[in-house]
């Protein structure tokens, strides 16, 4: 994945750690990239992604996020 310097994007992996052929938008800030994942993780997980790794300029930032570990609490 080639990402211009300074841009943030997600690499999506399946349960075996193999990249999922899913395009995520480039974001100019980490906040925007994380907000995008927060809004779309259900759909992404539904298409086979189990993990999302944040990239900055194509390099991993941190260990990533297990999409299957998100738990929604019931509304009161």
Protein backbone atom coordinates (compact mmCIF):
# COMPACT_ATOMS: atom_id res chain seq x y z
CA UNK A 1 0.00 0.00 0.00
CA UNK A 2 1.50 3.33 -1.02
CA UNK A 3 0.34 6.29 1.04
CA UNK A 4 1.68 9.83 0.67
CA UNK A 5 3.75 11.06 3.63
CA UNK A 6 1.66 12.32 6.51
CA UNK A 7 -1.58 10.61 5.51
CA UNK A 8 -3.32 8.08 7.72
CA UNK A 9 -5.12 4.93 6.49
CA UNK A 10 -6.12 1.47 7.73
CA UNK A 11 -4.78 -1.89 6.67
CA UNK A 12 -7.51 -4.47 7.15
CA UNK A 13 -6.63 -8.09 7.93
CA UNK A 14 -8.71 -11.24 8.09
CA UNK A 15 -8.59 -13.71 11.00
CA UNK A 16 -5.42 -15.31 9.63
CA UNK A 17 -3.63 -11.95 9.33
CA UNK A 18 -3.95 -11.80 5.54
CA UNK A 19 -4.77 -8.36 4.11
CA UNK A 20 -8.38 -7.94 3.05
CA UNK A 21 -8.87 -6.33 -0.35
CA UNK A 22 -10.79 -3.39 1.06
CA UNK A 23 -9.95 0.24 0.40
CA UNK A 24 -10.07 2.71 3.27
CA UNK A 25 -9.98 6.43 2.69
CA UNK A 26 -6.81 8.40 3.41
CA UNK A 27 -7.20 10.85 6.28
CA UNK A 28 -5.15 13.94 6.99
CA UNK A 29 -5.29 13.41 10.78
CA UNK A 30 -5.20 10.41 13.07
CA UNK A 31 -8.45 11.59 14.63
CA UNK A 32 -10.22 11.50 11.26
CA UNK A 33 -8.86 8.00 10.51
CA UNK A 34 -9.98 6.69 13.91
CA UNK A 35 -13.40 8.35 13.56
CA UNK A 36 -13.86 6.69 10.16
CA UNK A 37 -13.09 3.26 11.65
CA UNK A 38 -15.49 3.94 14.52
CA UNK A 39 -18.27 4.64 12.03
CA UNK A 40 -17.56 1.74 9.66
CA UNK A 41 -16.14 -1.15 11.69
CA UNK A 42 -19.38 -3.19 11.67
CA UNK A 43 -19.61 -3.17 7.88
CA UNK A 44 -15.90 -3.91 7.53
CA UNK A 45 -16.10 -6.82 9.98
CA UNK A 46 -19.16 -8.09 8.11
CA UNK A 47 -17.06 -8.30 4.94
CA UNK A 48 -14.38 -10.43 6.57
CA UNK A 49 -11.94 -8.08 8.31
CA UNK A 50 -11.00 -9.13 11.84
CA UNK A 51 -8.26 -6.59 12.57
CA UNK A 52 -7.44 -3.03 11.52
CA UNK A 53 -3.92 -1.64 11.70
CA UNK A 54 -3.49 2.12 11.54
CA UNK A 55 -0.84 3.26 9.05
CA UNK A 56 0.88 6.60 8.73
CA UNK A 57 2.63 7.06 5.41
CA UNK A 58 2.33 3.29 4.93
CA UNK A 59 3.99 2.33 8.25
CA UNK A 60 2.09 0.66 11.13
CA UNK A 61 1.30 2.79 14.17
CA UNK A 62 0.63 0.63 17.21
CA UNK A 63 -0.60 -2.94 17.44
CA UNK A 64 -3.96 -2.45 15.71
CA UNK A 65 -7.56 -3.01 16.69
CA UNK A 66 -9.40 -6.33 16.89
CA UNK A 67 -12.73 -5.62 15.22
CA UNK A 68 -14.29 -8.67 16.82
CA UNK A 69 -13.57 -7.32 20.32
CA UNK A 70 -15.87 -4.32 20.05
CA UNK A 71 -18.80 -4.88 22.35
CA UNK A 72 -21.89 -2.74 22.30
CA UNK A 73 -23.65 -2.21 25.60
CA UNK A 74 -27.45 -2.30 25.52
CA UNK A 75 -29.22 1.03 25.73
CA UNK A 76 -30.97 1.69 29.00
